[in-house]
Amino acid sequence: MERRRIFKGRRARPRFGGAALLLSAAIATPVVLGVALPSNLFGSAPSDRSWRAEAQAIRIVDGETIGLGERIVRLDGISAPARGEACRSASGEAFDCGGAAAAALTRLVSGRPVACRIVGQDSFGRGLGQCDAAGADLNRALVGGGFAVATSSALRGQEAMARQTAQGLWANAAGAPPAWRSRN
């Protein structure tokens, strides 16, 4: 036997029609995108920043990383050996080639103020920069001196020249860091 309903409820009508829903979505979308996406997609953020530090506020972290006060900058377009990485001299003696790269960077800075143009960030959140100390381009000087290899095409010529003239860690190519020996 079929049940009969005596009272039928009123069917509820939607309060907002499709047009009102579409209008609210059109207003909400730019607001959500403006908050969720990085501001530089809209052209309002500067494309690069400049950081500087006086000589007393500079510290050398390793052969490719420098501290400018409380900020850390990794030199863009280069790769230096890590501290503790072993290399061999022409006489076969082992030495810390990462320490040698850090010492080369220390000599380049040598009590001068450093200015860096920050062009991005690395995976650790450090600024990637093109730095100079009183007119000396640190990125170019480390690669040209044979204490770092180029990771950007702009510095490949400097690296080739350092290899040909046996500069820095290229002085004994067979004893250079393992990753360097396989480079063309």
C-alpha atoms as a PDB file:
ATOM      1  CA  MET A   1       0.000   0.000   0.000  1.00  0.00           C
ATOM      2  CA  GLU A   2       1.274   3.369  -1.005  1.00  0.00           C
ATOM      3  CA  ARG A   3       1.721   6.063   1.551  1.00  0.00           C
ATOM      4  CA  ARG A   4      -0.008   9.301   0.883  1.00  0.00           C
ATOM      5  CA  ARG A   5       1.312  12.598   1.975  1.00  0.00           C
ATOM      6  CA  ILE A   6      -1.288  14.897   3.213  1.00  0.00           C
ATOM      7  CA  PHE A   7       0.865  17.974   3.448  1.00  0.00           C
ATOM      8  CA  LYS A   8       3.296  18.780   0.685  1.00  0.00           C
ATOM      9  CA  GLY A   9       6.084  21.159   1.512  1.00  0.00           C
ATOM     10  CA  ARG A  10       6.787  24.104  -0.687  1.00  0.00           C
ATOM     11  CA  ARG A  11       9.575  23.634  -3.130  1.00  0.00           C
ATOM     12  CA  ALA A  12      12.458  25.921  -2.242  1.00  0.00           C
ATOM     13  CA  ARG A  13      13.510  28.299  -4.965  1.00  0.00           C
ATOM     14  CA  PRO A  14      17.114  29.342  -5.183  1.00  0.00           C
ATOM     15  CA  ARG A  15      17.549  32.860  -3.875  1.00  0.00           C
ATOM     16  CA  PHE A  16      20.349  33.683  -6.248  1.00  0.00           C
ATOM     17  CA  GLY A  17      19.993  33.056  -9.897  1.00  0.00           C
ATOM     18  CA  GLY A  18      22.796  32.015 -12.180  1.00  0.00           C
ATOM     19  CA  ALA A  19      23.605  35.629 -13.051  1.00  0.00           C
ATOM     20  CA  ALA A  20      24.242  36.607  -9.430  1.00  0.00           C
ATOM     21  CA  LEU A  21      26.464  33.556  -8.902  1.00  0.00           C
ATOM     22  CA  LEU A  22      28.450  34.379 -12.039  1.00  0.00           C
ATOM     23  CA  LEU A  23      28.863  38.001 -10.941  1.00  0.00           C
ATOM     24  CA  SER A  24      30.164  37.010  -7.506  1.00  0.00           C
ATOM     25  CA  ALA A  25      32.643  34.551  -9.078  1.00  0.00           C
ATOM     26  CA  ALA A  26      33.864  37.265 -11.465  1.00  0.00           C
ATOM     27  CA  ILE A  27      34.535  39.586  -8.520  1.00  0.00           C
ATOM     28  CA  ALA A  28      36.146  36.935  -6.283  1.00  0.00           C
ATOM     29  CA  THR A  29      38.536  35.504  -8.900  1.00  0.00           C
ATOM     30  CA  PRO A  30      40.847  38.561  -9.266  1.00  0.00           C
ATOM     31  CA  VAL A  31      40.910  39.019  -5.493  1.00  0.00           C
ATOM     32  CA  VAL A  32      41.937  35.402  -4.886  1.00  0.00           C
ATOM     33  CA  LEU A  33      44.542  35.527  -7.659  1.00  0.00           C
ATOM     34  CA  GLY A  34      45.944  38.791  -6.316  1.00  0.00           C
ATOM     35  CA  VAL A  35      46.494  37.256  -2.898  1.00  0.00           C
ATOM     36  CA  ALA A  36      47.595  33.766  -3.968  1.00  0.00           C
ATOM     37  CA  LEU A  37      50.025  34.561  -6.786  1.00  0.00           C
ATOM     38  CA  PRO A  38      53.388  36.298  -6.378  1.00  0.00           C
ATOM     39  CA  SER A  39      53.143  40.024  -6.844  1.00  0.00           C
ATOM     40  CA  ASN A  40      55.844  40.189  -9.500  1.00  0.00           C
ATOM     41  CA  LEU A  41      53.495  38.475 -11.980  1.00  0.00           C
ATOM     42  CA  PHE A  42      51.514  41.697 -12.063  1.00  0.00           C
ATOM     43  CA  GLY A  43      54.585  43.880 -12.650  1.00  0.00           C
ATOM     44  CA  SER A  44      54.403  45.742  -9.348  1.00  0.00           C
ATOM     45  CA  ALA A  45      57.493  44.185  -7.731  1.00  0.00           C
ATOM     46  CA  PRO A  46      60.973  45.319  -8.750  1.00  0.00           C
ATOM     47  CA  SER A  47      62.723  42.865 -11.073  1.00  0.00           C
ATOM     48  CA  ASP A  48      65.943  43.030  -9.083  1.00  0.00           C
ATOM     49  CA  ARG A  49      67.199  44.335  -5.777  1.00  0.00           C
ATOM     50  CA  SER A  50      70.519  45.685  -4.619  1.00  0.00           C
ATOM     51  CA  TRP A  51      72.114  44.658  -1.341  1.00  0.00           C
ATOM     52  CA  ARG A  52      75.317  46.151   0.016  1.00  0.00           C
ATOM     53  CA  ALA A  53      77.429  45.840   3.101  1.00  0.00           C
ATOM     54  CA  GLU A  54      80.468  47.585   4.459  1.00  0.00           C
ATOM     55  CA  ALA A  55      83.683  45.605   4.916  1.00  0.00           C
ATOM     56  CA  GLN A  56      83.182  44.914   8.635  1.00  0.00           C
ATOM     57  CA  ALA A  57      79.735  43.339   8.029  1.00  0.00           C
ATOM     58  CA  ILE A  58      80.931  40.855   5.372  1.00  0.00           C
ATOM     59  CA  ARG A  59      81.646  37.195   6.050  1.00  0.00           C
ATOM     60  CA  ILE A  60      82.703  34.502   3.627  1.00  0.00           C
ATOM     61  CA  VAL A  61      80.602  31.347   4.072  1.00  0.00           C
ATOM     62  CA  ASP A  62      82.253  29.282   1.331  1.00  0.00           C
ATOM     63  CA  GLY A  63      83.659  29.742  -2.168  1.00  0.00           C
ATOM     64  CA  GLU A  64      80.322  30.783  -3.654  1.00  0.00           C
ATOM     65  CA  THR A  65      78.405  32.200  -0.685  1.00  0.00           C
ATOM     66  CA  ILE A  66      78.882  35.506   1.088  1.00  0.00           C
ATOM     67  CA  GLY A  67      77.138  37.064   4.081  1.00  0.00           C
ATOM     68  CA  LEU A  68      76.199  40.735   3.805  1.00  0.00           C
ATOM     69  CA  GLY A  69      75.202  41.589   7.343  1.00  0.00           C
ATOM     70  CA  GLU A  70      72.197  39.370   8.097  1.00  0.00           C
ATOM     71  CA  ARG A  71      71.586  38.513   4.436  1.00  0.00           C
ATOM     72  CA  ILE A  72      73.129  35.556   2.640  1.00  0.00           C
ATOM     73  CA  VAL A  73      73.966  35.776  -1.073  1.00  0.00           C
ATOM     74  CA  ARG A  74      75.003  32.896  -3.300  1.00  0.00           C
ATOM     75  CA  LEU A  75      76.999  34.081  -6.294  1.00  0.00           C
ATOM     76  CA  ASP A  76      74.910  33.526  -9.425  1.00  0.00           C
ATOM     77  CA  GLY A  77      76.225  31.554 -12.389  1.00  0.00           C
ATOM     78  CA  ILE A  78      79.083  29.794 -10.588  1.00  0.00           C
ATOM     79  CA  SER A  79      79.722  26.609  -8.639  1.00  0.00           C
ATOM     80  CA  ALA A  80      82.662  26.292  -6.261  1.00  0.00           C
ATOM     81  CA  PRO A  81      83.735  23.113  -4.453  1.00  0.00           C
ATOM     82  CA  ALA A  82      82.244  22.499  -1.017  1.00  0.00           C
ATOM     83  CA  ARG A  83      84.420  22.958   2.058  1.00  0.00           C
ATOM     84  CA  GLY A  84      86.157  19.700   2.874  1.00  0.00           C
ATOM     85  CA  GLU A  85      86.180  18.438  -0.709  1.00  0.00           C
ATOM     86  CA  ALA A  86      89.583  16.932  -1.422  1.00  0.00           C
ATOM     87  CA  CYS A  87      91.757  17.870  -4.369  1.00  0.00           C
ATOM     88  CA  ARG A  88      95.325  16.872  -5.213  1.00  0.00           C
ATOM     89  CA  SER A  89      98.225  19.145  -6.011  1.00  0.00           C
ATOM     90  CA  ALA A  90     100.678  18.359  -8.822  1.00  0.00           C
ATOM     91  CA  SER A  91     102.923  16.648  -6.251  1.00  0.00           C
ATOM     92  CA  GLY A  92     100.004  14.368  -5.236  1.00  0.00           C
ATOM     93  CA  GLU A  93      99.393  16.082  -1.882  1.00  0.00           C
ATOM     94  CA  ALA A  94      95.722  16.286  -0.815  1.00  0.00           C
ATOM     95  CA  PHE A  95      94.257  19.659   0.160  1.00  0.00           C
ATOM     96  CA  ASP A  96      90.830  21.178   0.857  1.00  0.00           C
ATOM     97  CA  CYS A  97      89.809  22.705  -2.491  1.00  0.00           C
ATOM     98  CA  GLY A  98      86.582  24.162  -1.000  1.00  0.00           C
ATOM     99  CA  GLY A  99      88.720  25.963   1.562  1.00  0.00           C
ATOM    100  CA  ALA A 100      90.985  27.206  -1.238  1.00  0.00           C
ATOM    101  CA  ALA A 101      87.941  28.623  -3.087  1.00  0.00           C
ATOM    102  CA  ALA A 102      86.750  30.356   0.106  1.00  0.00           C
ATOM    103  CA  ALA A 103      90.244  31.786   0.635  1.00  0.00           C
ATOM    104  CA  ALA A 104      90.232  33.109  -2.949  1.00  0.00           C
ATOM    105  CA  LEU A 105      86.898  34.850  -2.306  1.00  0.00           C
ATOM    106  CA  THR A 106      88.290  36.279   0.934  1.00  0.00           C
ATOM    107  CA  ARG A 107      91.283  37.703  -0.974  1.00  0.00           C
ATOM    108  CA  LEU A 108      88.967  39.263  -3.574  1.00  0.00           C
ATOM    109  CA  VAL A 109      86.850  40.975  -0.915  1.00  0.00           C
ATOM    110  CA  SER A 110      89.833  41.861   1.350  1.00  0.00           C
ATOM    111  CA  GLY A 111      88.262  44.555   3.493  1.00  0.00           C
ATOM    112  CA  ARG A 112      86.280  46.287   0.740  1.00  0.00           C
ATOM    113  CA  PRO A 113      82.537  46.983   0.718  1.00  0.00           C
ATOM    114  CA  VAL A 114      80.487  44.570  -1.391  1.00  0.00           C
ATOM    115  CA  ALA A 115      77.427  45.382  -3.499  1.00  0.00           C
ATOM    116  CA  CYS A 116      75.222  42.672  -5.001  1.00  0.00           C
ATOM    117  CA  ARG A 117      72.432  42.891  -7.541  1.00  0.00           C
ATOM    118  CA  ILE A 118      70.023  40.124  -6.515  1.00  0.00           C
ATOM    119  CA  VAL A 119      68.554  38.378  -9.545  1.00  0.00           C
ATOM    120  CA  GLY A 120      66.664  35.513  -7.904  1.00  0.00           C
ATOM    121  CA  GLN A 121      66.627  32.927  -5.121  1.00  0.00           C
ATOM    122  CA  ASP A 122      68.145  29.491  -4.796  1.00  0.00           C
ATOM    123  CA  SER A 123      66.345  26.441  -3.398  1.00  0.00           C
ATOM    124  CA  PHE A 124      67.380  27.394   0.171  1.00  0.00           C
ATOM    125  CA  GLY A 125      65.871  30.886  -0.086  1.00  0.00           C
ATOM    126  CA  ARG A 126      69.231  32.653  -0.338  1.00  0.00           C
ATOM    127  CA  GLY A 127      69.516  35.537  -2.752  1.00  0.00           C
ATOM    128  CA  LEU A 128      71.301  34.785  -6.036  1.00  0.00           C
ATOM    129  CA  GLY A 129      73.455  37.727  -6.951  1.00  0.00           C
ATOM    130  CA  GLN A 130      75.982  39.356  -9.205  1.00  0.00           C
ATOM    131  CA  CYS A 131      78.402  40.885  -6.711  1.00  0.00           C
ATOM    132  CA  ASP A 132      81.315  43.250  -6.847  1.00  0.00           C
ATOM    133  CA  ALA A 133      83.847  44.489  -4.320  1.00  0.00           C
ATOM    134  CA  ALA A 134      85.087  47.994  -5.146  1.00  0.00           C
ATOM    135  CA  GLY A 135      84.683  47.398  -8.885  1.00  0.00           C
ATOM    136  CA  ALA A 136      85.940  43.779  -8.984  1.00  0.00           C
ATOM    137  CA  ASP A 137      83.267  41.385 -10.317  1.00  0.00           C
ATOM    138  CA  LEU A 138      83.429  38.528  -7.780  1.00  0.00           C
ATOM    139  CA  ASN A 139      81.538  35.991  -9.923  1.00  0.00           C
ATOM    140  CA  ARG A 140      83.797  36.546 -12.946  1.00  0.00           C
ATOM    141  CA  ALA A 141      86.999  36.727 -10.876  1.00  0.00           C
ATOM    142  CA  LEU A 142      86.373  33.390  -9.117  1.00  0.00           C
ATOM    143  CA  VAL A 143      85.715  31.578 -12.402  1.00  0.00           C
ATOM    144  CA  GLY A 144      88.607  33.352 -14.165  1.00  0.00           C
ATOM    145  CA  GLY A 145      90.926  32.560 -11.250  1.00  0.00           C
ATOM    146  CA  GLY A 146      90.080  28.853 -11.483  1.00  0.00           C
ATOM    147  CA  PHE A 147      88.313  28.558  -8.119  1.00  0.00           C
ATOM    148  CA  ALA A 148      84.781  28.017  -9.491  1.00  0.00           C
ATOM    149  CA  VAL A 149      83.184  26.667 -12.654  1.00  0.00           C
ATOM    150  CA  ALA A 150      80.601  28.489 -14.729  1.00  0.00           C
ATOM    151  CA  THR A 151      76.989  27.341 -14.513  1.00  0.00           C
ATOM    152  CA  SER A 152      75.824  30.072 -16.910  1.00  0.00           C
ATOM    153  CA  SER A 153      76.910  30.580 -20.485  1.00  0.00           C
ATOM    154  CA  ALA A 154      78.030  34.155 -19.726  1.00  0.00           C
ATOM    155  CA  LEU A 155      81.056  32.884 -17.788  1.00  0.00           C
ATOM    156  CA  ARG A 156      82.037  29.858 -19.948  1.00  0.00           C
ATOM    157  CA  GLY A 157      84.774  31.834 -21.688  1.00  0.00           C
ATOM    158  CA  GLN A 158      86.339  32.736 -18.323  1.00  0.00           C
ATOM    159  CA  GLU A 159      86.303  29.066 -17.320  1.00  0.00           C
ATOM    160  CA  ALA A 160      87.916  27.963 -20.587  1.00  0.00           C
ATOM    161  CA  MET A 161      90.651  30.568 -20.182  1.00  0.00           C
ATOM    162  CA  ALA A 162      91.332  29.454 -16.587  1.00  0.00           C
ATOM    163  CA  ARG A 163      91.621  25.825 -17.743  1.00  0.00           C
ATOM    164  CA  GLN A 164      93.972  26.678 -20.617  1.00  0.00           C
ATOM    165  CA  THR A 165      96.253  28.765 -18.416  1.00  0.00           C
ATOM    166  CA  ALA A 166      96.090  26.284 -15.474  1.00  0.00           C
ATOM    167  CA  GLN A 167      94.752  28.840 -12.984  1.00  0.00           C
ATOM    168  CA  GLY A 168      93.688  28.000  -9.429  1.00  0.00           C
ATOM    169  CA  LEU A 169      92.277  24.502  -9.031  1.00  0.00           C
ATOM    170  CA  TRP A 170      92.959  23.828 -12.733  1.00  0.00           C
ATOM    171  CA  ALA A 171      96.723  23.869 -11.989  1.00  0.00           C
ATOM    172  CA  ASN A 172      96.525  20.081 -11.728  1.00  0.00           C
ATOM    173  CA  ALA A 173      93.500  19.081 -13.818  1.00  0.00           C
ATOM    174  CA  ALA A 174      93.845  15.419 -12.742  1.00  0.00           C
ATOM    175  CA  GLY A 175      93.579  16.504  -9.090  1.00  0.00           C
ATOM    176  CA  ALA A 176      90.677  18.952  -9.608  1.00  0.00           C
ATOM    177  CA  PRO A 177      87.307  18.202  -7.974  1.00  0.00           C
ATOM    178  CA  PRO A 178      85.706  15.086  -9.500  1.00  0.00           C
ATOM    179  CA  ALA A 179      82.723  17.004 -10.959  1.00  0.00           C
ATOM    180  CA  TRP A 180      85.135  19.360 -12.738  1.00  0.00           C
ATOM    181  CA  ARG A 181      87.164  16.648 -14.474  1.00  0.00           C
ATOM    182  CA  SER A 182      84.154  15.494 -16.525  1.00  0.00           C
ATOM    183  CA  ARG A 183      83.458  18.992 -17.927  1.00  0.00           C
ATOM    184  CA  ASN A 184      84.126  19.643 -21.614  1.00  0.00           C
END
